[in-house]
Amino acid sequence: MPRTVLITGATGTVSTALMDALEGAEVNLRALVRDDSKADGLRARGAEVFVGDLDEPGTLP
């Protein structure tokens, strides 16, 4: 059974490298982003995208 991995700040450099490292692993990727307009590449990689900001709890799903 695949594990679910949530990556915060998913459009950043470190998170992009983490997604590269997880490619091919049996995981369900979820990505938290602040700006949905930057998330198309994440969706193309199969990530389920959530929009929110950790500094603003009311924006979190």
C-alpha atoms as a PDB file:
ATOM      1  CA  MET A   1       0.000   0.000   0.000  1.00  0.00           C
ATOM      2  CA  PRO A   2       1.529   3.356  -1.003  1.00  0.00           C
ATOM      3  CA  ARG A   3       2.228   5.932   1.665  1.00  0.00           C
ATOM      4  CA  THR A   4       1.011   9.492   1.357  1.00  0.00           C
ATOM      5  CA  VAL A   5       3.647  12.230   1.430  1.00  0.00           C
ATOM      6  CA  LEU A   6       2.735  15.901   1.920  1.00  0.00           C
ATOM      7  CA  ILE A   7       5.335  18.355   0.662  1.00  0.00           C
ATOM      8  CA  THR A   8       4.996  21.910   1.929  1.00  0.00           C
ATOM      9  CA  GLY A   9       6.417  24.802  -0.046  1.00  0.00           C
ATOM     10  CA  ALA A  10       6.196  22.480  -3.015  1.00  0.00           C
ATOM     11  CA  THR A  11       7.163  25.023  -5.666  1.00  0.00           C
ATOM     12  CA  GLY A  12      10.502  25.754  -3.995  1.00  0.00           C
ATOM     13  CA  THR A  13      13.968  24.445  -4.836  1.00  0.00           C
ATOM     14  CA  VAL A  14      14.336  21.972  -1.966  1.00  0.00           C
ATOM     15  CA  SER A  15      10.839  20.605  -2.430  1.00  0.00           C
ATOM     16  CA  THR A  16      11.397  20.166  -6.151  1.00  0.00           C
ATOM     17  CA  ALA A  17      14.530  18.145  -5.399  1.00  0.00           C
ATOM     18  CA  LEU A  18      12.553  16.068  -2.902  1.00  0.00           C
ATOM     19  CA  MET A  19       9.930  15.333  -5.539  1.00  0.00           C
ATOM     20  CA  ASP A  20      12.716  14.292  -7.922  1.00  0.00           C
ATOM     21  CA  ALA A  21      14.069  11.917  -5.274  1.00  0.00           C
ATOM     22  CA  LEU A  22      10.618  10.413  -4.702  1.00  0.00           C
ATOM     23  CA  GLU A  23       9.983   9.829  -8.392  1.00  0.00           C
ATOM     24  CA  GLY A  24       9.428   6.145  -8.974  1.00  0.00           C
ATOM     25  CA  ALA A  25       8.691   5.482  -5.312  1.00  0.00           C
ATOM     26  CA  GLU A  26       5.300   4.086  -4.483  1.00  0.00           C
ATOM     27  CA  VAL A  27       3.922   7.181  -2.752  1.00  0.00           C
ATOM     28  CA  ASN A  28       0.895   9.378  -3.172  1.00  0.00           C
ATOM     29  CA  LEU A  29       2.221  12.919  -3.459  1.00  0.00           C
ATOM     30  CA  ARG A  30       0.329  15.837  -1.997  1.00  0.00           C
ATOM     31  CA  ALA A  31       1.680  19.334  -2.412  1.00  0.00           C
ATOM     32  CA  LEU A  32       0.890  22.438  -0.372  1.00  0.00           C
ATOM     33  CA  VAL A  33       1.423  25.678  -2.302  1.00  0.00           C
ATOM     34  CA  ARG A  34       0.604  29.310  -1.613  1.00  0.00           C
ATOM     35  CA  ASP A  35       0.153  30.254  -5.271  1.00  0.00           C
ATOM     36  CA  ASP A  36      -2.006  27.938  -7.367  1.00  0.00           C
ATOM     37  CA  SER A  37      -0.747  29.559 -10.581  1.00  0.00           C
ATOM     38  CA  LYS A  38       2.646  27.919  -9.970  1.00  0.00           C
ATOM     39  CA  ALA A  39       1.237  24.434  -9.400  1.00  0.00           C
ATOM     40  CA  ASP A  40       0.700  23.161 -12.967  1.00  0.00           C
ATOM     41  CA  GLY A  41       4.075  21.396 -13.002  1.00  0.00           C
ATOM     42  CA  LEU A  42       3.224  19.635  -9.744  1.00  0.00           C
ATOM     43  CA  ARG A  43      -0.066  18.410 -11.137  1.00  0.00           C
ATOM     44  CA  ALA A  44       1.731  17.204 -14.271  1.00  0.00           C
ATOM     45  CA  ARG A  45       3.937  15.089 -11.991  1.00  0.00           C
ATOM     46  CA  GLY A  46       0.856  13.506 -10.442  1.00  0.00           C
ATOM     47  CA  ALA A  47       0.724  15.481  -7.206  1.00  0.00           C
ATOM     48  CA  GLU A  48      -2.578  16.359  -5.597  1.00  0.00           C
ATOM     49  CA  VAL A  49      -2.287  20.118  -4.992  1.00  0.00           C
ATOM     50  CA  PHE A  50      -3.682  22.024  -2.004  1.00  0.00           C
ATOM     51  CA  VAL A  51      -3.533  25.807  -1.726  1.00  0.00           C
ATOM     52  CA  GLY A  52      -2.809  27.303   1.678  1.00  0.00           C
ATOM     53  CA  ASP A  53      -0.289  29.147   3.825  1.00  0.00           C
ATOM     54  CA  LEU A  54       1.168  27.701   7.030  1.00  0.00           C
ATOM     55  CA  ASP A  55       1.380  31.255   8.424  1.00  0.00           C
ATOM     56  CA  GLU A  56      -2.393  31.627   7.965  1.00  0.00           C
ATOM     57  CA  PRO A  57      -4.145  28.589   9.467  1.00  0.00           C
ATOM     58  CA  GLY A  58      -7.518  29.687   8.079  1.00  0.00           C
ATOM     59  CA  THR A  59      -6.246  29.004   4.549  1.00  0.00           C
ATOM     60  CA  LEU A  60      -5.362  25.375   5.231  1.00  0.00           C
ATOM     61  CA  PRO A  61      -7.631  22.616   3.928  1.00  0.00           C
END
